[in-house]
């Protein structure tokens, strides 16, 4: 799942939560600012903004070893407050441009405000494609409790509904069984394996490609 240069670019190709720079831009002209707060039975998902840098820093520091096998190598600056603030500033620009959105995952009714995960739609292209790339990660202390499935199901209805996208894609390293279970539970369609797809931890990793379209959702 994850990222390259220590800075999130929500308008880039996103794999499990961290984007790979593609310099894609919307093809359909100006887009409104992407802004929403999403609810599911247990979760609240809201856009992360620069003032959330301390929350995000705590999350990435506490889950550094847990997430490392699925992410590109991070520079040390990534694990600093300014590094996370820079990421969130870029995310805010991307949200204003209509090219992506990064949600923080919180528990409903949790007064501590702990950030338990992230989920995003990135690399949004409009025009004749209407496509976005989904990425996600969850805190190790909430893994295996269905939180990620719940968050992804809600994101799908938002992305293919209110946002008006036609297709969402998720790309997963084949040995990442937990992430594969999530997309299968959410009934993403398997499209095939991309060989040497992304440089993860200094290794060009194959990825399983899954997608879901608005038509797929309507047939359920």
C-alpha atoms as a PDB file:
ATOM      1  CA  UNK A   1       0.000   0.000   0.000  1.00  0.00           C
ATOM      2  CA  UNK A   2       1.908   3.376  -0.113  1.00  0.00           C
ATOM      3  CA  UNK A   3       4.172   6.341  -0.953  1.00  0.00           C
ATOM      4  CA  UNK A   4       7.391   7.565  -2.545  1.00  0.00           C
ATOM      5  CA  UNK A   5       8.912  10.914  -1.741  1.00  0.00           C
ATOM      6  CA  UNK A   6       7.740  11.570   1.790  1.00  0.00           C
ATOM      7  CA  UNK A   7       5.015  13.921   0.565  1.00  0.00           C
ATOM      8  CA  UNK A   8       1.463  12.918  -0.259  1.00  0.00           C
ATOM      9  CA  UNK A   9       0.222  14.029  -3.671  1.00  0.00           C
ATOM     10  CA  UNK A  10      -3.450  13.130  -3.759  1.00  0.00           C
ATOM     11  CA  UNK A  11      -3.524  13.809  -7.480  1.00  0.00           C
ATOM     12  CA  UNK A  12      -1.127  10.919  -8.094  1.00  0.00           C
ATOM     13  CA  UNK A  13      -1.394   7.166  -8.543  1.00  0.00           C
ATOM     14  CA  UNK A  14      -2.215   5.775  -5.115  1.00  0.00           C
ATOM     15  CA  UNK A  15      -1.479   2.302  -3.884  1.00  0.00           C
ATOM     16  CA  UNK A  16      -2.933   1.365  -0.532  1.00  0.00           C
ATOM     17  CA  UNK A  17      -2.636   4.867   0.764  1.00  0.00           C
ATOM     18  CA  UNK A  18       0.509   6.458  -0.627  1.00  0.00           C
ATOM     19  CA  UNK A  19       0.688   7.948  -4.120  1.00  0.00           C
ATOM     20  CA  UNK A  20       3.281   7.637  -6.858  1.00  0.00           C
ATOM     21  CA  UNK A  21       3.756  10.869  -8.791  1.00  0.00           C
ATOM     22  CA  UNK A  22       2.063  10.785 -12.195  1.00  0.00           C
ATOM     23  CA  UNK A  23       1.228  14.477 -12.674  1.00  0.00           C
ATOM     24  CA  UNK A  24      -2.314  13.624 -13.731  1.00  0.00           C
ATOM     25  CA  UNK A  25      -4.892  16.401 -13.854  1.00  0.00           C
ATOM     26  CA  UNK A  26      -8.658  16.372 -14.278  1.00  0.00           C
ATOM     27  CA  UNK A  27      -9.717  16.339 -17.917  1.00  0.00           C
ATOM     28  CA  UNK A  28     -13.202  17.718 -17.467  1.00  0.00           C
ATOM     29  CA  UNK A  29     -12.446  21.332 -16.576  1.00  0.00           C
ATOM     30  CA  UNK A  30     -12.832  22.987 -13.194  1.00  0.00           C
ATOM     31  CA  UNK A  31     -14.087  20.810 -10.349  1.00  0.00           C
ATOM     32  CA  UNK A  32     -15.635  21.876  -7.036  1.00  0.00           C
ATOM     33  CA  UNK A  33     -13.620  21.401  -3.862  1.00  0.00           C
ATOM     34  CA  UNK A  34     -13.982  17.820  -2.658  1.00  0.00           C
ATOM     35  CA  UNK A  35     -15.366  18.055   0.857  1.00  0.00           C
ATOM     36  CA  UNK A  36     -17.395  15.578   2.869  1.00  0.00           C
ATOM     37  CA  UNK A  37     -17.694  13.944   6.260  1.00  0.00           C
ATOM     38  CA  UNK A  38     -18.620  10.280   5.931  1.00  0.00           C
ATOM     39  CA  UNK A  39     -20.288   8.105   8.559  1.00  0.00           C
ATOM     40  CA  UNK A  40     -20.623   4.352   8.922  1.00  0.00           C
ATOM     41  CA  UNK A  41     -21.978   2.373  11.884  1.00  0.00           C
ATOM     42  CA  UNK A  42     -18.721   2.608  13.875  1.00  0.00           C
ATOM     43  CA  UNK A  43     -16.651   5.182  12.031  1.00  0.00           C
ATOM     44  CA  UNK A  44     -16.403   8.836  11.126  1.00  0.00           C
ATOM     45  CA  UNK A  45     -14.209   9.786   8.169  1.00  0.00           C
ATOM     46  CA  UNK A  46     -13.272  13.391   7.527  1.00  0.00           C
ATOM     47  CA  UNK A  47     -10.682  15.118   5.330  1.00  0.00           C
ATOM     48  CA  UNK A  48      -7.310  15.529   7.026  1.00  0.00           C
ATOM     49  CA  UNK A  49      -6.012  19.104   6.954  1.00  0.00           C
ATOM     50  CA  UNK A  50      -2.699  20.731   7.961  1.00  0.00           C
ATOM     51  CA  UNK A  51      -3.792  21.252  11.559  1.00  0.00           C
ATOM     52  CA  UNK A  52      -4.044  17.425  11.826  1.00  0.00           C
ATOM     53  CA  UNK A  53      -0.278  17.053  11.327  1.00  0.00           C
ATOM     54  CA  UNK A  54       0.367  16.026  14.942  1.00  0.00           C
ATOM     55  CA  UNK A  55      -2.356  13.355  14.745  1.00  0.00           C
ATOM     56  CA  UNK A  56      -0.948  11.988  11.511  1.00  0.00           C
ATOM     57  CA  UNK A  57       2.614  12.046  12.853  1.00  0.00           C
ATOM     58  CA  UNK A  58       1.557  10.010  15.881  1.00  0.00           C
ATOM     59  CA  UNK A  59      -0.145   7.509  13.567  1.00  0.00           C
ATOM     60  CA  UNK A  60       2.834   7.008  11.243  1.00  0.00           C
ATOM     61  CA  UNK A  61       5.320   6.829  14.113  1.00  0.00           C
ATOM     62  CA  UNK A  62       3.333   4.261  16.100  1.00  0.00           C
ATOM     63  CA  UNK A  63       2.695   2.145  12.985  1.00  0.00           C
ATOM     64  CA  UNK A  64       6.105   2.529  11.351  1.00  0.00           C
ATOM     65  CA  UNK A  65       7.110  -1.141  11.545  1.00  0.00           C
ATOM     66  CA  UNK A  66       3.556  -2.360  10.898  1.00  0.00           C
ATOM     67  CA  UNK A  67       3.242  -0.444   7.610  1.00  0.00           C
ATOM     68  CA  UNK A  68       6.848  -0.673   6.400  1.00  0.00           C
ATOM     69  CA  UNK A  69       6.488  -3.900   4.312  1.00  0.00           C
ATOM     70  CA  UNK A  70       3.832  -2.268   2.109  1.00  0.00           C
ATOM     71  CA  UNK A  71       5.311   1.203   1.623  1.00  0.00           C
ATOM     72  CA  UNK A  72       8.122   2.737  -0.416  1.00  0.00           C
ATOM     73  CA  UNK A  73      11.109   3.701   1.711  1.00  0.00           C
ATOM     74  CA  UNK A  74      10.404   6.936   3.577  1.00  0.00           C
ATOM     75  CA  UNK A  75      12.982   9.670   4.168  1.00  0.00           C
ATOM     76  CA  UNK A  76      13.469  10.506   7.839  1.00  0.00           C
ATOM     77  CA  UNK A  77      11.779  13.856   7.264  1.00  0.00           C
ATOM     78  CA  UNK A  78       8.553  11.951   6.725  1.00  0.00           C
ATOM     79  CA  UNK A  79       8.555  11.064  10.432  1.00  0.00           C
ATOM     80  CA  UNK A  80       8.587  14.699  11.577  1.00  0.00           C
ATOM     81  CA  UNK A  81       5.838  17.194  12.275  1.00  0.00           C
ATOM     82  CA  UNK A  82       6.886  19.418   9.386  1.00  0.00           C
ATOM     83  CA  UNK A  83       7.028  16.415   7.063  1.00  0.00           C
ATOM     84  CA  UNK A  84       3.438  15.488   7.847  1.00  0.00           C
ATOM     85  CA  UNK A  85       2.325  19.111   7.662  1.00  0.00           C
ATOM     86  CA  UNK A  86       3.809  19.379   4.167  1.00  0.00           C
ATOM     87  CA  UNK A  87       1.949  16.253   3.129  1.00  0.00           C
ATOM     88  CA  UNK A  88      -1.334  17.642   4.392  1.00  0.00           C
ATOM     89  CA  UNK A  89      -0.770  21.003   2.694  1.00  0.00           C
ATOM     90  CA  UNK A  90      -0.341  19.160  -0.606  1.00  0.00           C
ATOM     91  CA  UNK A  91      -3.455  17.105   0.110  1.00  0.00           C
ATOM     92  CA  UNK A  92      -5.400  20.299   0.702  1.00  0.00           C
ATOM     93  CA  UNK A  93      -4.263  21.676  -2.653  1.00  0.00           C
ATOM     94  CA  UNK A  94      -5.260  18.448  -4.364  1.00  0.00           C
ATOM     95  CA  UNK A  95      -8.674  18.521  -2.708  1.00  0.00           C
ATOM     96  CA  UNK A  96      -9.227  22.072  -3.931  1.00  0.00           C
ATOM     97  CA  UNK A  97      -8.178  20.996  -7.423  1.00  0.00           C
ATOM     98  CA  UNK A  98     -10.614  18.084  -7.340  1.00  0.00           C
ATOM     99  CA  UNK A  99      -7.866  15.515  -7.918  1.00  0.00           C
ATOM    100  CA  UNK A 100      -8.011  13.638  -4.622  1.00  0.00           C
ATOM    101  CA  UNK A 101      -9.054  13.458  -0.993  1.00  0.00           C
ATOM    102  CA  UNK A 102      -7.433  11.919   2.072  1.00  0.00           C
ATOM    103  CA  UNK A 103      -9.767  10.928   4.910  1.00  0.00           C
ATOM    104  CA  UNK A 104      -8.783  10.221   8.479  1.00  0.00           C
ATOM    105  CA  UNK A 105     -10.615   7.314  10.092  1.00  0.00           C
ATOM    106  CA  UNK A 106     -11.966   7.957  13.582  1.00  0.00           C
ATOM    107  CA  UNK A 107     -14.254   6.012  15.907  1.00  0.00           C
ATOM    108  CA  UNK A 108     -17.667   7.555  16.409  1.00  0.00           C
ATOM    109  CA  UNK A 109     -18.103   8.735  19.973  1.00  0.00           C
ATOM    110  CA  UNK A 110     -14.377   8.508  20.758  1.00  0.00           C
ATOM    111  CA  UNK A 111     -13.678  11.683  22.731  1.00  0.00           C
ATOM    112  CA  UNK A 112      -9.919  11.138  22.514  1.00  0.00           C
ATOM    113  CA  UNK A 113     -10.000  11.923  18.781  1.00  0.00           C
ATOM    114  CA  UNK A 114      -7.477   9.173  18.024  1.00  0.00           C
ATOM    115  CA  UNK A 115      -6.674   8.688  14.346  1.00  0.00           C
ATOM    116  CA  UNK A 116      -7.089   4.969  13.624  1.00  0.00           C
ATOM    117  CA  UNK A 117      -6.469   4.880   9.898  1.00  0.00           C
ATOM    118  CA  UNK A 118      -6.414   6.616   6.541  1.00  0.00           C
ATOM    119  CA  UNK A 119      -8.312   6.072   3.322  1.00  0.00           C
ATOM    120  CA  UNK A 120      -8.099   8.076   0.131  1.00  0.00           C
ATOM    121  CA  UNK A 121      -9.194   8.500  -3.444  1.00  0.00           C
ATOM    122  CA  UNK A 122      -6.300   9.887  -5.456  1.00  0.00           C
ATOM    123  CA  UNK A 123      -5.176  10.402  -9.029  1.00  0.00           C
ATOM    124  CA  UNK A 124      -8.684  11.436 -10.054  1.00  0.00           C
ATOM    125  CA  UNK A 125      -9.087  11.928 -13.799  1.00  0.00           C
ATOM    126  CA  UNK A 126     -12.383  13.156 -15.176  1.00  0.00           C
ATOM    127  CA  UNK A 127     -13.278  13.431 -18.869  1.00  0.00           C
ATOM    128  CA  UNK A 128     -13.828  10.062 -20.542  1.00  0.00           C
ATOM    129  CA  UNK A 129     -12.246   8.049 -17.697  1.00  0.00           C
ATOM    130  CA  UNK A 130     -13.845   9.256 -14.434  1.00  0.00           C
ATOM    131  CA  UNK A 131     -11.376   7.138 -12.460  1.00  0.00           C
ATOM    132  CA  UNK A 132      -9.721   7.303  -9.044  1.00  0.00           C
ATOM    133  CA  UNK A 133      -7.191   5.189  -7.136  1.00  0.00           C
ATOM    134  CA  UNK A 134      -8.047   4.028  -3.620  1.00  0.00           C
ATOM    135  CA  UNK A 135      -5.485   3.656  -0.865  1.00  0.00           C
ATOM    136  CA  UNK A 136      -5.891   2.760   2.798  1.00  0.00           C
ATOM    137  CA  UNK A 137      -4.152   1.722   5.996  1.00  0.00           C
ATOM    138  CA  UNK A 138      -5.277   0.891   9.527  1.00  0.00           C
ATOM    139  CA  UNK A 139      -3.635   1.116  12.927  1.00  0.00           C
ATOM    140  CA  UNK A 140      -2.223  -2.228  14.064  1.00  0.00           C
ATOM    141  CA  UNK A 141      -4.391  -2.040  17.208  1.00  0.00           C
ATOM    142  CA  UNK A 142      -7.562  -2.025  15.089  1.00  0.00           C
ATOM    143  CA  UNK A 143      -6.503  -4.583  12.487  1.00  0.00           C
ATOM    144  CA  UNK A 144      -8.756  -7.607  12.041  1.00  0.00           C
ATOM    145  CA  UNK A 145     -11.862  -5.880  13.420  1.00  0.00           C
ATOM    146  CA  UNK A 146     -13.529  -5.057  10.114  1.00  0.00           C
ATOM    147  CA  UNK A 147     -12.806  -1.330  10.301  1.00  0.00           C
ATOM    148  CA  UNK A 148     -11.094  -1.185   6.929  1.00  0.00           C
ATOM    149  CA  UNK A 149     -13.885  -3.079   5.185  1.00  0.00           C
ATOM    150  CA  UNK A 150     -16.436  -0.749   6.748  1.00  0.00           C
ATOM    151  CA  UNK A 151     -14.463   2.324   5.690  1.00  0.00           C
ATOM    152  CA  UNK A 152     -13.926   1.088   2.134  1.00  0.00           C
ATOM    153  CA  UNK A 153     -17.595   0.223   1.655  1.00  0.00           C
ATOM    154  CA  UNK A 154     -18.539   3.755   2.698  1.00  0.00           C
ATOM    155  CA  UNK A 155     -15.865   5.291   0.469  1.00  0.00           C
ATOM    156  CA  UNK A 156     -17.152   3.312  -2.510  1.00  0.00           C
ATOM    157  CA  UNK A 157     -20.675   4.708  -2.147  1.00  0.00           C
ATOM    158  CA  UNK A 158     -19.229   8.211  -1.867  1.00  0.00           C
ATOM    159  CA  UNK A 159     -16.787   7.908  -4.775  1.00  0.00           C
ATOM    160  CA  UNK A 160     -19.193   6.242  -7.205  1.00  0.00           C
ATOM    161  CA  UNK A 161     -22.144   8.222  -5.889  1.00  0.00           C
ATOM    162  CA  UNK A 162     -21.691  11.819  -4.739  1.00  0.00           C
ATOM    163  CA  UNK A 163     -18.341  12.285  -6.486  1.00  0.00           C
ATOM    164  CA  UNK A 164     -19.709  10.946  -9.757  1.00  0.00           C
ATOM    165  CA  UNK A 165     -16.743   8.710 -10.568  1.00  0.00           C
ATOM    166  CA  UNK A 166     -17.238   5.704 -12.834  1.00  0.00           C
ATOM    167  CA  UNK A 167     -14.350   3.510 -11.623  1.00  0.00           C
ATOM    168  CA  UNK A 168     -12.239   2.967  -8.502  1.00  0.00           C
ATOM    169  CA  UNK A 169      -9.021   0.921  -8.533  1.00  0.00           C
ATOM    170  CA  UNK A 170      -7.041  -0.718  -5.744  1.00  0.00           C
ATOM    171  CA  UNK A 171      -3.556  -2.202  -6.279  1.00  0.00           C
ATOM    172  CA  UNK A 172      -2.210  -4.707  -3.736  1.00  0.00           C
ATOM    173  CA  UNK A 173       1.022  -6.638  -3.252  1.00  0.00           C
ATOM    174  CA  UNK A 174       0.053 -10.324  -3.675  1.00  0.00           C
ATOM    175  CA  UNK A 175       1.308 -11.405  -0.229  1.00  0.00           C
ATOM    176  CA  UNK A 176      -0.708  -8.704   1.561  1.00  0.00           C
ATOM    177  CA  UNK A 177      -3.455 -11.092   2.581  1.00  0.00           C
ATOM    178  CA  UNK A 178      -5.193  -8.647   4.926  1.00  0.00           C
ATOM    179  CA  UNK A 179      -5.653  -6.060   2.188  1.00  0.00           C
ATOM    180  CA  UNK A 180      -6.784  -8.704  -0.287  1.00  0.00           C
ATOM    181  CA  UNK A 181      -9.477  -9.818   2.152  1.00  0.00           C
ATOM    182  CA  UNK A 182     -10.756  -6.250   2.390  1.00  0.00           C
ATOM    183  CA  UNK A 183     -11.237  -5.737  -1.365  1.00  0.00           C
ATOM    184  CA  UNK A 184     -12.796  -9.178  -1.763  1.00  0.00           C
ATOM    185  CA  UNK A 185     -15.280  -8.496   1.034  1.00  0.00           C
ATOM    186  CA  UNK A 186     -16.157  -5.243  -0.714  1.00  0.00           C
ATOM    187  CA  UNK A 187     -16.636  -7.219  -3.956  1.00  0.00           C
ATOM    188  CA  UNK A 188     -14.052  -5.470  -6.072  1.00  0.00           C
ATOM    189  CA  UNK A 189     -13.508  -7.240  -9.377  1.00  0.00           C
ATOM    190  CA  UNK A 190     -10.090  -8.815  -9.989  1.00  0.00           C
ATOM    191  CA  UNK A 191      -8.535  -7.533 -13.213  1.00  0.00           C
ATOM    192  CA  UNK A 192      -5.124  -9.195 -13.203  1.00  0.00           C
ATOM    193  CA  UNK A 193      -1.539  -8.915 -11.997  1.00  0.00           C
ATOM    194  CA  UNK A 194       0.733  -6.007 -12.954  1.00  0.00           C
ATOM    195  CA  UNK A 195       4.349  -7.186 -12.944  1.00  0.00           C
ATOM    196  CA  UNK A 196       7.018  -5.004 -11.362  1.00  0.00           C
ATOM    197  CA  UNK A 197       4.345  -2.383 -10.846  1.00  0.00           C
ATOM    198  CA  UNK A 198       5.706  -0.203  -8.013  1.00  0.00           C
ATOM    199  CA  UNK A 199       8.977   0.269  -6.135  1.00  0.00           C
ATOM    200  CA  UNK A 200       8.138  -0.781  -2.580  1.00  0.00           C
ATOM    201  CA  UNK A 201      10.916  -0.918  -0.004  1.00  0.00           C
ATOM    202  CA  UNK A 202      13.445  -0.730  -2.857  1.00  0.00           C
ATOM    203  CA  UNK A 203      11.950  -3.772  -4.633  1.00  0.00           C
ATOM    204  CA  UNK A 204       9.860  -3.610  -7.807  1.00  0.00           C
ATOM    205  CA  UNK A 205       6.793  -5.446  -6.557  1.00  0.00           C
ATOM    206  CA  UNK A 206       4.036  -7.121  -8.570  1.00  0.00           C
ATOM    207  CA  UNK A 207       0.547  -5.917  -7.674  1.00  0.00           C
ATOM    208  CA  UNK A 208      -2.896  -7.446  -7.966  1.00  0.00           C
ATOM    209  CA  UNK A 209      -5.278  -5.002  -9.657  1.00  0.00           C
ATOM    210  CA  UNK A 210      -8.870  -4.769  -8.468  1.00  0.00           C
ATOM    211  CA  UNK A 211     -11.549  -2.369  -9.672  1.00  0.00           C
ATOM    212  CA  UNK A 212     -15.168  -1.493  -9.089  1.00  0.00           C
ATOM    213  CA  UNK A 213     -17.353   0.550 -11.431  1.00  0.00           C
ATOM    214  CA  UNK A 214     -20.673   2.279 -10.980  1.00  0.00           C
ATOM    215  CA  UNK A 215     -22.210  -0.472 -13.140  1.00  0.00           C
ATOM    216  CA  UNK A 216     -20.754  -3.174 -10.867  1.00  0.00           C
ATOM    217  CA  UNK A 217     -22.299  -1.415  -7.872  1.00  0.00           C
ATOM    218  CA  UNK A 218     -25.701  -1.148  -9.579  1.00  0.00           C
ATOM    219  CA  UNK A 219     -25.723  -4.908 -10.290  1.00  0.00           C
ATOM    220  CA  UNK A 220     -25.363  -5.883  -6.640  1.00  0.00           C
END
